[in-house]
């Protein structure tokens, strides 16, 4: 069980998304589940403390600097074939 301190709520926009994204990012970085959830909670808390959605999670590099561009000539990605 995680002890979670109350957050000062300014706006709830994106708090759930930040919690999930933070948890997934931490799991992807190899953190154990409990640490990943704790990181997700802190990301959600950061979202609660600002007006509107966060542009990115604190401590996570901007996507342009961490995600490589697809190889030249790569076929397009189809998420839902047949639709």
PDB file of N, CA and C in Angstrom:
ATOM      1  N   UNK A   1       0.838  -1.168   0.000  1.00  0.00           N
ATOM      2  CA  UNK A   1       0.000   0.000   0.000  1.00  0.00           C
ATOM      3  C   UNK A   1       0.888   1.237   0.000  1.00  0.00           C
ATOM      4  N   UNK A   2       0.514   2.224  -0.805  1.00  0.00           N
ATOM      5  CA  UNK A   2       1.265   3.473  -0.887  1.00  0.00           C
ATOM      6  C   UNK A   2       0.600   4.540  -0.034  1.00  0.00           C
ATOM      7  N   UNK A   3       1.412   5.272   0.729  1.00  0.00           N
ATOM      8  CA  UNK A   3       0.896   6.434   1.447  1.00  0.00           C
ATOM      9  C   UNK A   3       0.903   7.603   0.479  1.00  0.00           C
ATOM     10  N   UNK A   4      -0.254   8.221   0.305  1.00  0.00           N
ATOM     11  CA  UNK A   4      -0.382   9.318  -0.651  1.00  0.00           C
ATOM     12  C   UNK A   4      -0.860  10.555   0.086  1.00  0.00           C
ATOM     13  N   UNK A   5      -0.086  11.621  -0.004  1.00  0.00           N
ATOM     14  CA  UNK A   5      -0.468  12.886   0.621  1.00  0.00           C
ATOM     15  C   UNK A   5      -1.482  13.603  -0.264  1.00  0.00           C
ATOM     16  N   UNK A   6      -2.350  14.365   0.359  1.00  0.00           N
ATOM     17  CA  UNK A   6      -3.341  15.138  -0.391  1.00  0.00           C
ATOM     18  C   UNK A   6      -2.645  16.211  -1.222  1.00  0.00           C
ATOM     19  N   UNK A   7      -3.246  16.523  -2.355  1.00  0.00           N
ATOM     20  CA  UNK A   7      -2.702  17.556  -3.243  1.00  0.00           C
ATOM     21  C   UNK A   7      -3.613  18.773  -3.226  1.00  0.00           C
ATOM     22  N   UNK A   8      -3.018  19.939  -3.393  1.00  0.00           N
ATOM     23  CA  UNK A   8      -3.807  21.155  -3.567  1.00  0.00           C
ATOM     24  C   UNK A   8      -4.330  21.134  -5.000  1.00  0.00           C
ATOM     25  N   UNK A   9      -5.636  21.084  -5.160  1.00  0.00           N
ATOM     26  CA  UNK A   9      -6.222  20.944  -6.490  1.00  0.00           C
ATOM     27  C   UNK A   9      -6.509  22.313  -7.083  1.00  0.00           C
ATOM     28  N   UNK A  10      -5.869  22.579  -8.224  1.00  0.00           N
ATOM     29  CA  UNK A  10      -6.099  23.805  -8.976  1.00  0.00           C
ATOM     30  C   UNK A  10      -7.029  23.506 -10.143  1.00  0.00           C
ATOM     31  N   UNK A  11      -6.781  22.380 -10.831  1.00  0.00           N
ATOM     32  CA  UNK A  11      -7.569  21.978 -12.002  1.00  0.00           C
ATOM     33  C   UNK A  11      -7.361  20.483 -12.186  1.00  0.00           C
ATOM     34  N   UNK A  12      -8.414  19.746 -12.499  1.00  0.00           N
ATOM     35  CA  UNK A  12      -8.297  18.294 -12.651  1.00  0.00           C
ATOM     36  C   UNK A  12      -7.996  17.855 -14.083  1.00  0.00           C
ATOM     37  N   UNK A  13      -7.906  18.804 -15.007  1.00  0.00           N
ATOM     38  CA  UNK A  13      -7.664  18.466 -16.408  1.00  0.00           C
ATOM     39  C   UNK A  13      -6.377  17.663 -16.559  1.00  0.00           C
ATOM     40  N   UNK A  14      -6.485  16.476 -17.109  1.00  0.00           N
ATOM     41  CA  UNK A  14      -5.324  15.653 -17.423  1.00  0.00           C
ATOM     42  C   UNK A  14      -4.712  14.901 -16.262  1.00  0.00           C
ATOM     43  N   UNK A  15      -5.288  14.979 -15.065  1.00  0.00           N
ATOM     44  CA  UNK A  15      -4.678  14.315 -13.909  1.00  0.00           C
ATOM     45  C   UNK A  15      -4.647  12.798 -14.073  1.00  0.00           C
ATOM     46  N   UNK A  16      -5.734  12.222 -14.530  1.00  0.00           N
ATOM     47  CA  UNK A  16      -5.762  10.773 -14.746  1.00  0.00           C
ATOM     48  C   UNK A  16      -4.824  10.352 -15.859  1.00  0.00           C
ATOM     49  N   UNK A  17      -4.807  11.135 -16.928  1.00  0.00           N
ATOM     50  CA  UNK A  17      -3.892  10.848 -18.038  1.00  0.00           C
ATOM     51  C   UNK A  17      -2.441  10.912 -17.560  1.00  0.00           C
ATOM     52  N   UNK A  18      -2.117  11.918 -16.742  1.00  0.00           N
ATOM     53  CA  UNK A  18      -0.752  12.061 -16.231  1.00  0.00           C
ATOM     54  C   UNK A  18      -0.389  10.894 -15.326  1.00  0.00           C
ATOM     55  N   UNK A  19      -1.325  10.447 -14.495  1.00  0.00           N
ATOM     56  CA  UNK A  19      -1.075   9.309 -13.616  1.00  0.00           C
ATOM     57  C   UNK A  19      -0.750   8.068 -14.442  1.00  0.00           C
ATOM     58  N   UNK A  20      -1.563   7.785 -15.440  1.00  0.00           N
ATOM     59  CA  UNK A  20      -1.346   6.601 -16.278  1.00  0.00           C
ATOM     60  C   UNK A  20      -0.053   6.738 -17.077  1.00  0.00           C
ATOM     61  N   UNK A  21       0.161   7.899 -17.684  1.00  0.00           N
ATOM     62  CA  UNK A  21       1.368   8.111 -18.488  1.00  0.00           C
ATOM     63  C   UNK A  21       2.625   8.005 -17.632  1.00  0.00           C
ATOM     64  N   UNK A  22       2.592   8.572 -16.442  1.00  0.00           N
ATOM     65  CA  UNK A  22       3.747   8.487 -15.550  1.00  0.00           C
ATOM     66  C   UNK A  22       4.039   7.060 -15.132  1.00  0.00           C
ATOM     67  N   UNK A  23       2.989   6.308 -14.830  1.00  0.00           N
ATOM     68  CA  UNK A  23       3.161   4.906 -14.445  1.00  0.00           C
ATOM     69  C   UNK A  23       3.751   4.104 -15.596  1.00  0.00           C
ATOM     70  N   UNK A  24       3.199   4.275 -16.790  1.00  0.00           N
ATOM     71  CA  UNK A  24       3.695   3.539 -17.959  1.00  0.00           C
ATOM     72  C   UNK A  24       5.131   3.939 -18.280  1.00  0.00           C
ATOM     73  N   UNK A  25       5.436   5.231 -18.216  1.00  0.00           N
ATOM     74  CA  UNK A  25       6.801   5.691 -18.503  1.00  0.00           C
ATOM     75  C   UNK A  25       7.795   5.083 -17.516  1.00  0.00           C
ATOM     76  N   UNK A  26       7.427   5.033 -16.251  1.00  0.00           N
ATOM     77  CA  UNK A  26       8.319   4.462 -15.242  1.00  0.00           C
ATOM     78  C   UNK A  26       8.485   2.956 -15.436  1.00  0.00           C
ATOM     79  N   UNK A  27       7.405   2.257 -15.771  1.00  0.00           N
ATOM     80  CA  UNK A  27       7.514   0.825 -16.060  1.00  0.00           C
ATOM     81  C   UNK A  27       8.412   0.594 -17.264  1.00  0.00           C
ATOM     82  N   UNK A  28       8.241   1.418 -18.285  1.00  0.00           N
ATOM     83  CA  UNK A  28       9.061   1.306 -19.495  1.00  0.00           C
ATOM     84  C   UNK A  28      10.541   1.552 -19.180  1.00  0.00           C
ATOM     85  N   UNK A  29      10.806   2.408 -18.206  1.00  0.00           N
ATOM     86  CA  UNK A  29      12.185   2.697 -17.802  1.00  0.00           C
ATOM     87  C   UNK A  29      12.758   1.609 -16.896  1.00  0.00           C
ATOM     88  N   UNK A  30      11.944   0.589 -16.581  1.00  0.00           N
ATOM     89  CA  UNK A  30      12.429  -0.537 -15.791  1.00  0.00           C
ATOM     90  C   UNK A  30      12.216  -0.431 -14.298  1.00  0.00           C
ATOM     91  N   UNK A  31      11.438   0.553 -13.854  1.00  0.00           N
ATOM     92  CA  UNK A  31      11.179   0.670 -12.417  1.00  0.00           C
ATOM     93  C   UNK A  31      10.214  -0.429 -11.978  1.00  0.00           C
ATOM     94  N   UNK A  32      10.331  -0.905 -10.727  1.00  0.00           N
ATOM     95  CA  UNK A  32       9.369  -1.885 -10.217  1.00  0.00           C
ATOM     96  C   UNK A  32       7.971  -1.268 -10.129  1.00  0.00           C
ATOM     97  N   UNK A  33       6.959  -2.120 -10.089  1.00  0.00           N
ATOM     98  CA  UNK A  33       5.569  -1.667 -10.135  1.00  0.00           C
ATOM     99  C   UNK A  33       5.256  -0.620  -9.071  1.00  0.00           C
ATOM    100  N   UNK A  34       5.636  -0.871  -7.823  1.00  0.00           N
ATOM    101  CA  UNK A  34       5.292   0.087  -6.762  1.00  0.00           C
ATOM    102  C   UNK A  34       5.947   1.448  -7.006  1.00  0.00           C
ATOM    103  N   UNK A  35       7.195   1.458  -7.445  1.00  0.00           N
ATOM    104  CA  UNK A  35       7.883   2.719  -7.746  1.00  0.00           C
ATOM    105  C   UNK A  35       7.254   3.402  -8.953  1.00  0.00           C
ATOM    106  N   UNK A  36       6.827   2.611  -9.931  1.00  0.00           N
ATOM    107  CA  UNK A  36       6.190   3.177 -11.125  1.00  0.00           C
ATOM    108  C   UNK A  36       4.862   3.831 -10.767  1.00  0.00           C
ATOM    109  N   UNK A  37       4.087   3.172  -9.923  1.00  0.00           N
ATOM    110  CA  UNK A  37       2.804   3.742  -9.502  1.00  0.00           C
ATOM    111  C   UNK A  37       3.043   5.016  -8.688  1.00  0.00           C
ATOM    112  N   UNK A  38       4.053   5.001  -7.826  1.00  0.00           N
ATOM    113  CA  UNK A  38       4.373   6.207  -7.046  1.00  0.00           C
ATOM    114  C   UNK A  38       4.756   7.359  -7.974  1.00  0.00           C
ATOM    115  N   UNK A  39       5.515   7.065  -9.025  1.00  0.00           N
ATOM    116  CA  UNK A  39       5.875   8.099  -9.995  1.00  0.00           C
ATOM    117  C   UNK A  39       4.624   8.603 -10.708  1.00  0.00           C
ATOM    118  N   UNK A  40       3.728   7.682 -11.079  1.00  0.00           N
ATOM    119  CA  UNK A  40       2.473   8.074 -11.723  1.00  0.00           C
ATOM    120  C   UNK A  40       1.637   8.975 -10.830  1.00  0.00           C
ATOM    121  N   UNK A  41       1.607   8.657  -9.548  1.00  0.00           N
ATOM    122  CA  UNK A  41       0.860   9.485  -8.598  1.00  0.00           C
ATOM    123  C   UNK A  41       1.455  10.890  -8.541  1.00  0.00           C
ATOM    124  N   UNK A  42       2.766  10.990  -8.524  1.00  0.00           N
ATOM    125  CA  UNK A  42       3.405  12.309  -8.503  1.00  0.00           C
ATOM    126  C   UNK A  42       3.124  13.077  -9.789  1.00  0.00           C
ATOM    127  N   UNK A  43       3.080  12.379 -10.916  1.00  0.00           N
ATOM    128  CA  UNK A  43       2.742  13.041 -12.179  1.00  0.00           C
ATOM    129  C   UNK A  43       1.302  13.553 -12.137  1.00  0.00           C
ATOM    130  N   UNK A  44       0.392  12.748 -11.600  1.00  0.00           N
ATOM    131  CA  UNK A  44      -0.992  13.185 -11.443  1.00  0.00           C
ATOM    132  C   UNK A  44      -1.105  14.373 -10.510  1.00  0.00           C
ATOM    133  N   UNK A  45      -0.315  14.347  -9.434  1.00  0.00           N
ATOM    134  CA  UNK A  45      -0.305  15.473  -8.488  1.00  0.00           C
ATOM    135  C   UNK A  45       0.184  16.745  -9.184  1.00  0.00           C
ATOM    136  N   UNK A  46       1.197  16.621 -10.047  1.00  0.00           N
ATOM    137  CA  UNK A  46       1.697  17.787 -10.789  1.00  0.00           C
ATOM    138  C   UNK A  46       0.602  18.347 -11.692  1.00  0.00           C
ATOM    139  N   UNK A  47      -0.168  17.459 -12.317  1.00  0.00           N
ATOM    140  CA  UNK A  47      -1.258  17.914 -13.187  1.00  0.00           C
ATOM    141  C   UNK A  47      -2.343  18.626 -12.383  1.00  0.00           C
ATOM    142  N   UNK A  48      -2.591  18.154 -11.168  1.00  0.00           N
ATOM    143  CA  UNK A  48      -3.610  18.785 -10.322  1.00  0.00           C
ATOM    144  C   UNK A  48      -3.212  20.193  -9.886  1.00  0.00           C
ATOM    145  N   UNK A  49      -1.917  20.464  -9.858  1.00  0.00           N
ATOM    146  CA  UNK A  49      -1.445  21.737  -9.308  1.00  0.00           C
ATOM    147  C   UNK A  49      -1.285  22.840 -10.348  1.00  0.00           C
ATOM    148  N   UNK A  50      -1.719  22.595 -11.578  1.00  0.00           N
ATOM    149  CA  UNK A  50      -1.592  23.603 -12.626  1.00  0.00           C
ATOM    150  C   UNK A  50      -2.906  23.730 -13.391  1.00  0.00           C
ATOM    151  N   UNK A  51      -3.133  24.874 -13.986  1.00  0.00           N
ATOM    152  CA  UNK A  51      -4.340  25.081 -14.788  1.00  0.00           C
ATOM    153  C   UNK A  51      -4.122  24.465 -16.161  1.00  0.00           C
ATOM    154  N   UNK A  52      -5.066  23.655 -16.609  1.00  0.00           N
ATOM    155  CA  UNK A  52      -4.961  23.019 -17.924  1.00  0.00           C
ATOM    156  C   UNK A  52      -4.055  21.805 -17.887  1.00  0.00           C
ATOM    157  N   UNK A  53      -3.857  21.229 -19.051  1.00  0.00           N
ATOM    158  CA  UNK A  53      -3.041  20.021 -19.165  1.00  0.00           C
ATOM    159  C   UNK A  53      -1.554  20.370 -19.183  1.00  0.00           C
ATOM    160  N   UNK A  54      -0.744  19.447 -18.673  1.00  0.00           N
ATOM    161  CA  UNK A  54       0.707  19.611 -18.735  1.00  0.00           C
ATOM    162  C   UNK A  54       1.184  19.299 -20.147  1.00  0.00           C
ATOM    163  N   UNK A  55       2.192  20.023 -20.605  1.00  0.00           N
ATOM    164  CA  UNK A  55       2.758  19.722 -21.920  1.00  0.00           C
ATOM    165  C   UNK A  55       3.548  18.428 -21.885  1.00  0.00           C
ATOM    166  N   UNK A  56       4.198  18.160 -20.763  1.00  0.00           N
ATOM    167  CA  UNK A  56       4.898  16.893 -20.583  1.00  0.00           C
ATOM    168  C   UNK A  56       5.070  16.652 -19.094  1.00  0.00           C
ATOM    169  N   UNK A  57       5.343  15.416 -18.738  1.00  0.00           N
ATOM    170  CA  UNK A  57       5.505  15.059 -17.338  1.00  0.00           C
ATOM    171  C   UNK A  57       6.842  15.559 -16.807  1.00  0.00           C
ATOM    172  N   UNK A  58       6.864  16.028 -15.561  1.00  0.00           N
ATOM    173  CA  UNK A  58       8.134  16.449 -14.971  1.00  0.00           C
ATOM    174  C   UNK A  58       9.111  15.276 -14.941  1.00  0.00           C
ATOM    175  N   UNK A  59      10.345  15.519 -15.323  1.00  0.00           N
ATOM    176  CA  UNK A  59      11.361  14.470 -15.286  1.00  0.00           C
ATOM    177  C   UNK A  59      11.394  13.575 -16.505  1.00  0.00           C
ATOM    178  N   UNK A  60      10.497  13.782 -17.458  1.00  0.00           N
ATOM    179  CA  UNK A  60      10.473  12.988 -18.683  1.00  0.00           C
ATOM    180  C   UNK A  60      10.954  13.888 -19.816  1.00  0.00           C
ATOM    181  N   UNK A  61      11.972  13.466 -20.573  1.00  0.00           N
ATOM    182  CA  UNK A  61      12.445  14.325 -21.663  1.00  0.00           C
ATOM    183  C   UNK A  61      11.378  14.542 -22.727  1.00  0.00           C
ATOM    184  N   UNK A  62      11.493  15.642 -23.430  1.00  0.00           N
ATOM    185  CA  UNK A  62      10.551  15.935 -24.517  1.00  0.00           C
ATOM    186  C   UNK A  62      10.628  14.826 -25.558  1.00  0.00           C
ATOM    187  N   UNK A  63       9.492  14.440 -26.139  1.00  0.00           N
ATOM    188  CA  UNK A  63       9.490  13.338 -27.108  1.00  0.00           C
ATOM    189  C   UNK A  63      10.469  13.524 -28.258  1.00  0.00           C
ATOM    190  N   UNK A  64      10.629  14.731 -28.756  1.00  0.00           N
ATOM    191  CA  UNK A  64      11.516  14.951 -29.900  1.00  0.00           C
ATOM    192  C   UNK A  64      12.951  14.553 -29.575  1.00  0.00           C
ATOM    193  N   UNK A  65      13.348  14.649 -28.312  1.00  0.00           N
ATOM    194  CA  UNK A  65      14.722  14.316 -27.953  1.00  0.00           C
ATOM    195  C   UNK A  65      14.899  12.854 -27.564  1.00  0.00           C
ATOM    196  N   UNK A  66      13.814  12.124 -27.364  1.00  0.00           N
ATOM    197  CA  UNK A  66      13.948  10.754 -26.880  1.00  0.00           C
ATOM    198  C   UNK A  66      13.375   9.703 -27.821  1.00  0.00           C
ATOM    199  N   UNK A  67      12.624  10.103 -28.811  1.00  0.00           N
ATOM    200  CA  UNK A  67      12.018   9.148 -29.733  1.00  0.00           C
ATOM    201  C   UNK A  67      12.664   9.309 -31.098  1.00  0.00           C
ATOM    202  N   UNK A  68      13.319   8.256 -31.590  1.00  0.00           N
ATOM    203  CA  UNK A  68      13.965   8.387 -32.895  1.00  0.00           C
ATOM    204  C   UNK A  68      12.940   8.501 -34.017  1.00  0.00           C
ATOM    205  N   UNK A  69      13.323   9.176 -35.072  1.00  0.00           N
ATOM    206  CA  UNK A  69      12.456   9.289 -36.251  1.00  0.00           C
ATOM    207  C   UNK A  69      12.378   7.922 -36.931  1.00  0.00           C
ATOM    208  N   UNK A  70      11.253   7.618 -37.582  1.00  0.00           N
ATOM    209  CA  UNK A  70      11.158   6.338 -38.289  1.00  0.00           C
ATOM    210  C   UNK A  70      12.149   6.313 -39.449  1.00  0.00           C
ATOM    211  N   UNK A  71      12.612   5.121 -39.824  1.00  0.00           N
ATOM    212  CA  UNK A  71      13.543   5.027 -40.947  1.00  0.00           C
ATOM    213  C   UNK A  71      12.914   5.567 -42.226  1.00  0.00           C
ATOM    214  N   UNK A  72      13.745   6.128 -43.079  1.00  0.00           N
ATOM    215  CA  UNK A  72      13.276   6.638 -44.367  1.00  0.00           C
ATOM    216  C   UNK A  72      12.696   5.485 -45.173  1.00  0.00           C
ATOM    217  N   UNK A  73      11.542   5.720 -45.788  1.00  0.00           N
ATOM    218  CA  UNK A  73      10.903   4.695 -46.607  1.00  0.00           C
ATOM    219  C   UNK A  73      10.072   3.699 -45.824  1.00  0.00           C
ATOM    220  N   UNK A  74       9.866   3.943 -44.524  1.00  0.00           N
ATOM    221  CA  UNK A  74       9.048   3.030 -43.720  1.00  0.00           C
ATOM    222  C   UNK A  74       7.605   3.078 -44.179  1.00  0.00           C
ATOM    223  N   UNK A  75       6.924   1.921 -44.207  1.00  0.00           N
ATOM    224  CA  UNK A  75       5.508   1.937 -44.577  1.00  0.00           C
ATOM    225  C   UNK A  75       4.694   2.636 -43.492  1.00  0.00           C
ATOM    226  N   UNK A  76       3.559   3.215 -43.848  1.00  0.00           N
ATOM    227  CA  UNK A  76       2.721   3.867 -42.834  1.00  0.00           C
ATOM    228  C   UNK A  76       2.191   2.839 -41.834  1.00  0.00           C
ATOM    229  N   UNK A  77       1.987   3.287 -40.625  1.00  0.00           N
ATOM    230  CA  UNK A  77       1.453   2.424 -39.575  1.00  0.00           C
ATOM    231  C   UNK A  77      -0.061   2.478 -39.622  1.00  0.00           C
ATOM    232  N   UNK A  78      -0.704   1.319 -39.658  1.00  0.00           N
ATOM    233  CA  UNK A  78      -2.159   1.241 -39.633  1.00  0.00           C
ATOM    234  C   UNK A  78      -2.574   0.700 -38.276  1.00  0.00           C
ATOM    235  N   UNK A  79      -3.232   1.538 -37.481  1.00  0.00           N
ATOM    236  CA  UNK A  79      -3.643   1.118 -36.150  1.00  0.00           C
ATOM    237  C   UNK A  79      -4.861   0.210 -36.176  1.00  0.00           C
ATOM    238  N   UNK A  80      -5.786   0.485 -37.071  1.00  0.00           N
ATOM    239  CA  UNK A  80      -7.018  -0.284 -37.139  1.00  0.00           C
ATOM    240  C   UNK A  80      -7.232  -0.756 -38.573  1.00  0.00           C
ATOM    241  N   UNK A  81      -6.584  -1.851 -38.967  1.00  0.00           N
ATOM    242  CA  UNK A  81      -6.735  -2.329 -40.340  1.00  0.00           C
ATOM    243  C   UNK A  81      -8.198  -2.604 -40.675  1.00  0.00           C
ATOM    244  N   UNK A  82      -8.567  -2.270 -41.882  1.00  0.00           N
ATOM    245  CA  UNK A  82      -9.924  -2.556 -42.343  1.00  0.00           C
ATOM    246  C   UNK A  82     -10.955  -1.520 -41.967  1.00  0.00           C
ATOM    247  N   UNK A  83     -10.537  -0.418 -41.339  1.00  0.00           N
ATOM    248  CA  UNK A  83     -11.524   0.610 -40.974  1.00  0.00           C
ATOM    249  C   UNK A  83     -11.411   1.795 -41.885  1.00  0.00           C
TER     250      UNK A  83
END
